[in-house]
C-alpha cells in the first residue's frame, strides 16, 4: 500500500485548474499503463488516499501544481 497525505489549506479548496491531483492509471497490457488516468483525486483538507501498489500492475502520478498561490 502507498499513501499520500494532503496538507491543503482548509479555507482555500483546490480545483482541477489548480493541478496537483493524484492520477491513477489502468493497465493497457502487462507492464504498460494507459495514456489517460481513470481516476484523479484532488487534494482535500484532512484526507489521505491509500491505494495498492504492485510492480508492473499499478501506475500513478501526481499532476504539476498550476496555481502559484498553493
PDB file of N, CA and C in Angstrom:
ATOM      1  N   UNK A   1       0.844  -1.186   0.000  1.00  0.00           N
ATOM      2  CA  UNK A   1       0.000   0.000   0.000  1.00  0.00           C
ATOM      3  C   UNK A   1       0.880   1.236   0.000  1.00  0.00           C
ATOM      4  N   UNK A   2       0.371   2.237  -0.612  1.00  0.00           N
ATOM      5  CA  UNK A   2       1.043   3.524  -0.616  1.00  0.00           C
ATOM      6  C   UNK A   2       0.039   4.559  -0.143  1.00  0.00           C
ATOM      7  N   UNK A   3       0.504   5.619   0.467  1.00  0.00           N
ATOM      8  CA  UNK A   3      -0.395   6.663   0.937  1.00  0.00           C
ATOM      9  C   UNK A   3       0.132   8.026   0.556  1.00  0.00           C
ATOM     10  N   UNK A   4      -0.776   8.954   0.430  1.00  0.00           N
ATOM     11  CA  UNK A   4      -0.394  10.340   0.111  1.00  0.00           C
ATOM     12  C   UNK A   4      -1.212  11.260   0.993  1.00  0.00           C
ATOM     13  N   UNK A   5      -0.561  11.945   1.963  1.00  0.00           N
ATOM     14  CA  UNK A   5      -1.314  12.877   2.806  1.00  0.00           C
ATOM     15  C   UNK A   5      -1.548  14.190   2.074  1.00  0.00           C
ATOM     16  N   UNK A   6      -2.671  14.795   2.369  1.00  0.00           N
ATOM     17  CA  UNK A   6      -2.995  16.097   1.798  1.00  0.00           C
ATOM     18  C   UNK A   6      -2.959  17.132   2.904  1.00  0.00           C
ATOM     19  N   UNK A   7      -2.123  18.134   2.723  1.00  0.00           N
ATOM     20  CA  UNK A   7      -1.967  19.173   3.731  1.00  0.00           C
ATOM     21  C   UNK A   7      -2.481  20.507   3.194  1.00  0.00           C
ATOM     22  N   UNK A   8      -3.546  20.443   2.417  1.00  0.00           N
ATOM     23  CA  UNK A   8      -4.127  21.640   1.813  1.00  0.00           C
ATOM     24  C   UNK A   8      -4.760  22.530   2.880  1.00  0.00           C
ATOM     25  N   UNK A   9      -4.788  23.807   2.597  1.00  0.00           N
ATOM     26  CA  UNK A   9      -5.425  24.785   3.484  1.00  0.00           C
ATOM     27  C   UNK A   9      -6.933  24.537   3.499  1.00  0.00           C
ATOM     28  N   UNK A  10      -7.540  24.353   4.665  1.00  0.00           N
ATOM     29  CA  UNK A  10      -8.976  24.058   4.721  1.00  0.00           C
ATOM     30  C   UNK A  10      -9.857  25.208   4.241  1.00  0.00           C
ATOM     31  N   UNK A  11      -9.326  26.428   4.251  1.00  0.00           N
ATOM     32  CA  UNK A  11     -10.114  27.584   3.831  1.00  0.00           C
ATOM     33  C   UNK A  11      -9.923  27.934   2.359  1.00  0.00           C
ATOM     34  N   UNK A  12      -9.048  27.205   1.686  1.00  0.00           N
ATOM     35  CA  UNK A  12      -8.749  27.501   0.285  1.00  0.00           C
ATOM     36  C   UNK A  12      -8.776  26.196  -0.500  1.00  0.00           C
ATOM     37  N   UNK A  13      -9.979  25.750  -0.886  1.00  0.00           N
ATOM     38  CA  UNK A  13     -10.148  24.476  -1.580  1.00  0.00           C
ATOM     39  C   UNK A  13      -9.454  24.426  -2.927  1.00  0.00           C
ATOM     40  N   UNK A  14      -9.129  23.212  -3.379  1.00  0.00           N
ATOM     41  CA  UNK A  14      -8.458  23.002  -4.651  1.00  0.00           C
ATOM     42  C   UNK A  14      -9.477  22.745  -5.750  1.00  0.00           C
ATOM     43  N   UNK A  15      -9.126  23.173  -6.960  1.00  0.00           N
ATOM     44  CA  UNK A  15      -9.947  22.912  -8.137  1.00  0.00           C
ATOM     45  C   UNK A  15      -9.084  22.196  -9.175  1.00  0.00           C
ATOM     46  N   UNK A  16      -9.721  21.661 -10.205  1.00  0.00           N
ATOM     47  CA  UNK A  16      -8.968  20.993 -11.273  1.00  0.00           C
ATOM     48  C   UNK A  16      -7.959  21.936 -11.911  1.00  0.00           C
ATOM     49  N   UNK A  17      -8.315  23.217 -12.005  1.00  0.00           N
ATOM     50  CA  UNK A  17      -7.423  24.194 -12.612  1.00  0.00           C
ATOM     51  C   UNK A  17      -6.153  24.418 -11.790  1.00  0.00           C
ATOM     52  N   UNK A  18      -6.185  24.095 -10.491  1.00  0.00           N
ATOM     53  CA  UNK A  18      -5.024  24.255  -9.618  1.00  0.00           C
ATOM     54  C   UNK A  18      -3.967  23.183  -9.860  1.00  0.00           C
ATOM     55  N   UNK A  19      -4.380  22.020 -10.404  1.00  0.00           N
ATOM     56  CA  UNK A  19      -3.464  20.902 -10.594  1.00  0.00           C
ATOM     57  C   UNK A  19      -3.221  20.171  -9.281  1.00  0.00           C
ATOM     58  N   UNK A  20      -2.157  19.373  -9.226  1.00  0.00           N
ATOM     59  CA  UNK A  20      -1.780  18.666  -8.009  1.00  0.00           C
ATOM     60  C   UNK A  20      -2.576  17.410  -7.712  1.00  0.00           C
ATOM     61  N   UNK A  21      -3.393  16.946  -8.656  1.00  0.00           N
ATOM     62  CA  UNK A  21      -4.222  15.756  -8.414  1.00  0.00           C
ATOM     63  C   UNK A  21      -3.382  14.482  -8.470  1.00  0.00           C
ATOM     64  N   UNK A  22      -3.761  13.511  -7.665  1.00  0.00           N
ATOM     65  CA  UNK A  22      -3.222  12.162  -7.751  1.00  0.00           C
ATOM     66  C   UNK A  22      -3.931  11.493  -8.913  1.00  0.00           C
ATOM     67  N   UNK A  23      -3.176  10.920  -9.863  1.00  0.00           N
ATOM     68  CA  UNK A  23      -3.756  10.271 -11.029  1.00  0.00           C
ATOM     69  C   UNK A  23      -3.458   8.768 -10.970  1.00  0.00           C
ATOM     70  N   UNK A  24      -4.490   7.961 -11.156  1.00  0.00           N
ATOM     71  CA  UNK A  24      -4.344   6.503 -11.163  1.00  0.00           C
ATOM     72  C   UNK A  24      -4.642   5.994 -12.569  1.00  0.00           C
ATOM     73  N   UNK A  25      -3.757   5.162 -13.093  1.00  0.00           N
ATOM     74  CA  UNK A  25      -3.841   4.685 -14.472  1.00  0.00           C
ATOM     75  C   UNK A  25      -4.153   3.190 -14.541  1.00  0.00           C
ATOM     76  N   UNK A  26      -5.010   2.789 -15.486  1.00  0.00           N
ATOM     77  CA  UNK A  26      -5.249   1.356 -15.689  1.00  0.00           C
ATOM     78  C   UNK A  26      -4.102   0.750 -16.503  1.00  0.00           C
ATOM     79  N   UNK A  27      -4.046  -0.565 -16.553  1.00  0.00           N
ATOM     80  CA  UNK A  27      -3.033  -1.275 -17.323  1.00  0.00           C
ATOM     81  C   UNK A  27      -3.580  -1.566 -18.716  1.00  0.00           C
ATOM     82  N   UNK A  28      -2.855  -1.142 -19.754  1.00  0.00           N
ATOM     83  CA  UNK A  28      -3.240  -1.424 -21.147  1.00  0.00           C
ATOM     84  C   UNK A  28      -2.886  -2.867 -21.495  1.00  0.00           C
ATOM     85  N   UNK A  29      -1.650  -3.231 -21.189  1.00  0.00           N
ATOM     86  CA  UNK A  29      -1.163  -4.597 -21.360  1.00  0.00           C
ATOM     87  C   UNK A  29      -0.121  -4.800 -20.264  1.00  0.00           C
ATOM     88  N   UNK A  30       0.295  -6.027 -19.987  1.00  0.00           N
ATOM     89  CA  UNK A  30       1.215  -6.260 -18.859  1.00  0.00           C
ATOM     90  C   UNK A  30       2.401  -5.292 -18.831  1.00  0.00           C
ATOM     91  N   UNK A  31       2.490  -4.540 -17.748  1.00  0.00           N
ATOM     92  CA  UNK A  31       3.592  -3.598 -17.543  1.00  0.00           C
ATOM     93  C   UNK A  31       3.468  -2.268 -18.266  1.00  0.00           C
ATOM     94  N   UNK A  32       2.358  -2.055 -18.978  1.00  0.00           N
ATOM     95  CA  UNK A  32       2.198  -0.809 -19.738  1.00  0.00           C
ATOM     96  C   UNK A  32       0.908  -0.111 -19.312  1.00  0.00           C
ATOM     97  N   UNK A  33       1.041   1.119 -18.764  1.00  0.00           N
ATOM     98  CA  UNK A  33      -0.161   1.848 -18.344  1.00  0.00           C
ATOM     99  C   UNK A  33      -0.859   2.513 -19.524  1.00  0.00           C
ATOM    100  N   UNK A  34      -2.130   2.811 -19.354  1.00  0.00           N
ATOM    101  CA  UNK A  34      -2.882   3.585 -20.333  1.00  0.00           C
ATOM    102  C   UNK A  34      -2.333   5.011 -20.357  1.00  0.00           C
ATOM    103  N   UNK A  35      -2.616   5.731 -21.415  1.00  0.00           N
ATOM    104  CA  UNK A  35      -2.153   7.112 -21.551  1.00  0.00           C
ATOM    105  C   UNK A  35      -2.930   8.042 -20.622  1.00  0.00           C
ATOM    106  N   UNK A  36      -4.229   7.816 -20.487  1.00  0.00           N
ATOM    107  CA  UNK A  36      -5.082   8.683 -19.675  1.00  0.00           C
ATOM    108  C   UNK A  36      -5.447   8.009 -18.351  1.00  0.00           C
ATOM    109  N   UNK A  37      -5.433   8.772 -17.259  1.00  0.00           N
ATOM    110  CA  UNK A  37      -5.831   8.198 -15.963  1.00  0.00           C
ATOM    111  C   UNK A  37      -7.334   7.917 -15.922  1.00  0.00           C
ATOM    112  N   UNK A  38      -7.714   6.923 -15.134  1.00  0.00           N
ATOM    113  CA  UNK A  38      -9.137   6.636 -14.947  1.00  0.00           C
ATOM    114  C   UNK A  38      -9.685   7.348 -13.723  1.00  0.00           C
ATOM    115  N   UNK A  39      -8.792   7.715 -12.799  1.00  0.00           N
ATOM    116  CA  UNK A  39      -9.212   8.383 -11.573  1.00  0.00           C
ATOM    117  C   UNK A  39      -8.241   9.504 -11.246  1.00  0.00           C
ATOM    118  N   UNK A  40      -8.791  10.660 -10.870  1.00  0.00           N
ATOM    119  CA  UNK A  40      -7.982  11.798 -10.417  1.00  0.00           C
ATOM    120  C   UNK A  40      -8.554  12.263  -9.084  1.00  0.00           C
ATOM    121  N   UNK A  41      -7.688  12.412  -8.097  1.00  0.00           N
ATOM    122  CA  UNK A  41      -8.123  12.806  -6.760  1.00  0.00           C
ATOM    123  C   UNK A  41      -7.442  14.130  -6.412  1.00  0.00           C
ATOM    124  N   UNK A  42      -8.249  15.164  -6.228  1.00  0.00           N
ATOM    125  CA  UNK A  42      -7.709  16.473  -5.852  1.00  0.00           C
ATOM    126  C   UNK A  42      -7.332  16.499  -4.376  1.00  0.00           C
ATOM    127  N   UNK A  43      -6.318  17.300  -4.013  1.00  0.00           N
ATOM    128  CA  UNK A  43      -6.001  17.468  -2.606  1.00  0.00           C
ATOM    129  C   UNK A  43      -7.205  18.025  -1.842  1.00  0.00           C
ATOM    130  N   UNK A  44      -7.451  17.502  -0.670  1.00  0.00           N
ATOM    131  CA  UNK A  44      -8.549  17.966   0.185  1.00  0.00           C
ATOM    132  C   UNK A  44      -8.064  17.982   1.628  1.00  0.00           C
ATOM    133  N   UNK A  45      -8.454  18.986   2.357  1.00  0.00           N
ATOM    134  CA  UNK A  45      -8.033  19.145   3.744  1.00  0.00           C
ATOM    135  C   UNK A  45      -8.370  17.900   4.559  1.00  0.00           C
ATOM    136  N   UNK A  46      -7.423  17.497   5.399  1.00  0.00           N
ATOM    137  CA  UNK A  46      -7.620  16.446   6.386  1.00  0.00           C
ATOM    138  C   UNK A  46      -8.013  15.108   5.757  1.00  0.00           C
ATOM    139  N   UNK A  47      -7.396  14.784   4.620  1.00  0.00           N
ATOM    140  CA  UNK A  47      -7.688  13.499   3.989  1.00  0.00           C
ATOM    141  C   UNK A  47      -6.385  12.817   3.572  1.00  0.00           C
ATOM    142  N   UNK A  48      -6.460  11.512   3.378  1.00  0.00           N
ATOM    143  CA  UNK A  48      -5.325  10.724   2.923  1.00  0.00           C
ATOM    144  C   UNK A  48      -5.864   9.686   1.952  1.00  0.00           C
ATOM    145  N   UNK A  49      -5.125   9.442   0.898  1.00  0.00           N
ATOM    146  CA  UNK A  49      -5.527   8.459  -0.099  1.00  0.00           C
ATOM    147  C   UNK A  49      -4.613   7.244   0.034  1.00  0.00           C
ATOM    148  N   UNK A  50      -5.214   6.059   0.143  1.00  0.00           N
ATOM    149  CA  UNK A  50      -4.472   4.806   0.151  1.00  0.00           C
ATOM    150  C   UNK A  50      -4.825   4.037  -1.103  1.00  0.00           C
ATOM    151  N   UNK A  51      -3.814   3.442  -1.721  1.00  0.00           N
ATOM    152  CA  UNK A  51      -4.055   2.619  -2.892  1.00  0.00           C
ATOM    153  C   UNK A  51      -2.977   1.545  -2.954  1.00  0.00           C
ATOM    154  N   UNK A  52      -3.328   0.411  -3.536  1.00  0.00           N
ATOM    155  CA  UNK A  52      -2.403  -0.708  -3.649  1.00  0.00           C
ATOM    156  C   UNK A  52      -1.405  -0.440  -4.760  1.00  0.00           C
ATOM    157  N   UNK A  53      -0.143  -0.704  -4.486  1.00  0.00           N
ATOM    158  CA  UNK A  53       0.901  -0.553  -5.489  1.00  0.00           C
ATOM    159  C   UNK A  53       1.550  -1.911  -5.697  1.00  0.00           C
ATOM    160  N   UNK A  54       1.487  -2.391  -6.940  1.00  0.00           N
ATOM    161  CA  UNK A  54       2.110  -3.655  -7.313  1.00  0.00           C
ATOM    162  C   UNK A  54       2.990  -3.408  -8.535  1.00  0.00           C
ATOM    163  N   UNK A  55       4.271  -3.775  -8.487  1.00  0.00           N
ATOM    164  CA  UNK A  55       5.162  -3.542  -9.624  1.00  0.00           C
ATOM    165  C   UNK A  55       4.577  -4.101 -10.925  1.00  0.00           C
ATOM    166  N   UNK A  56       4.563  -3.260 -11.964  1.00  0.00           N
ATOM    167  CA  UNK A  56       4.063  -3.671 -13.263  1.00  0.00           C
ATOM    168  C   UNK A  56       2.554  -3.739 -13.382  1.00  0.00           C
ATOM    169  N   UNK A  57       1.835  -3.477 -12.262  1.00  0.00           N
ATOM    170  CA  UNK A  57       0.376  -3.567 -12.273  1.00  0.00           C
ATOM    171  C   UNK A  57      -0.306  -2.296 -11.791  1.00  0.00           C
ATOM    172  N   UNK A  58       0.422  -1.455 -11.084  1.00  0.00           N
ATOM    173  CA  UNK A  58      -0.153  -0.234 -10.514  1.00  0.00           C
ATOM    174  C   UNK A  58       0.650   0.965 -11.018  1.00  0.00           C
ATOM    175  N   UNK A  59      -0.060   1.920 -11.599  1.00  0.00           N
ATOM    176  CA  UNK A  59       0.610   3.096 -12.128  1.00  0.00           C
ATOM    177  C   UNK A  59      -0.089   4.351 -11.630  1.00  0.00           C
ATOM    178  N   UNK A  60       0.719   5.302 -11.138  1.00  0.00           N
ATOM    179  CA  UNK A  60       0.149   6.546 -10.640  1.00  0.00           C
ATOM    180  C   UNK A  60       1.132   7.693 -10.868  1.00  0.00           C
ATOM    181  N   UNK A  61       0.610   8.898 -10.788  1.00  0.00           N
ATOM    182  CA  UNK A  61       1.443  10.089 -10.876  1.00  0.00           C
ATOM    183  C   UNK A  61       0.741  11.206 -10.128  1.00  0.00           C
ATOM    184  N   UNK A  62       1.460  12.282  -9.902  1.00  0.00           N
ATOM    185  CA  UNK A  62       0.884  13.472  -9.279  1.00  0.00           C
ATOM    186  C   UNK A  62       1.058  14.622 -10.266  1.00  0.00           C
ATOM    187  N   UNK A  63      -0.043  15.268 -10.591  1.00  0.00           N
ATOM    188  CA  UNK A  63      -0.018  16.382 -11.535  1.00  0.00           C
ATOM    189  C   UNK A  63       0.852  17.526 -11.028  1.00  0.00           C
ATOM    190  N   UNK A  64       1.368  18.273 -11.974  1.00  0.00           N
ATOM    191  CA  UNK A  64       2.044  19.521 -11.657  1.00  0.00           C
ATOM    192  C   UNK A  64       1.029  20.465 -11.006  1.00  0.00           C
ATOM    193  N   UNK A  65       1.486  21.285 -10.067  1.00  0.00           N
ATOM    194  CA  UNK A  65       0.613  22.288  -9.448  1.00  0.00           C
ATOM    195  C   UNK A  65       0.701  23.541 -10.293  1.00  0.00           C
ATOM    196  N   UNK A  66      -0.455  23.963 -10.826  1.00  0.00           N
ATOM    197  CA  UNK A  66      -0.506  25.106 -11.713  1.00  0.00           C
ATOM    198  C   UNK A  66      -0.742  26.422 -10.961  1.00  0.00           C
ATOM    199  N   UNK A  67      -1.417  26.361  -9.819  1.00  0.00           N
ATOM    200  CA  UNK A  67      -1.710  27.566  -9.036  1.00  0.00           C
ATOM    201  C   UNK A  67      -0.431  28.071  -8.379  1.00  0.00           C
ATOM    202  N   UNK A  68      -0.159  29.345  -8.512  1.00  0.00           N
ATOM    203  CA  UNK A  68       1.052  29.907  -7.927  1.00  0.00           C
ATOM    204  C   UNK A  68       0.900  30.182  -6.436  1.00  0.00           C
ATOM    205  N   UNK A  69      -0.340  30.209  -5.943  1.00  0.00           N
ATOM    206  CA  UNK A  69      -0.559  30.550  -4.536  1.00  0.00           C
ATOM    207  C   UNK A  69      -0.827  29.329  -3.660  1.00  0.00           C
ATOM    208  N   UNK A  70      -0.547  28.137  -4.165  1.00  0.00           N
ATOM    209  CA  UNK A  70      -0.794  26.920  -3.374  1.00  0.00           C
ATOM    210  C   UNK A  70       0.466  26.093  -3.271  1.00  0.00           C
TER     211      UNK A  70
END
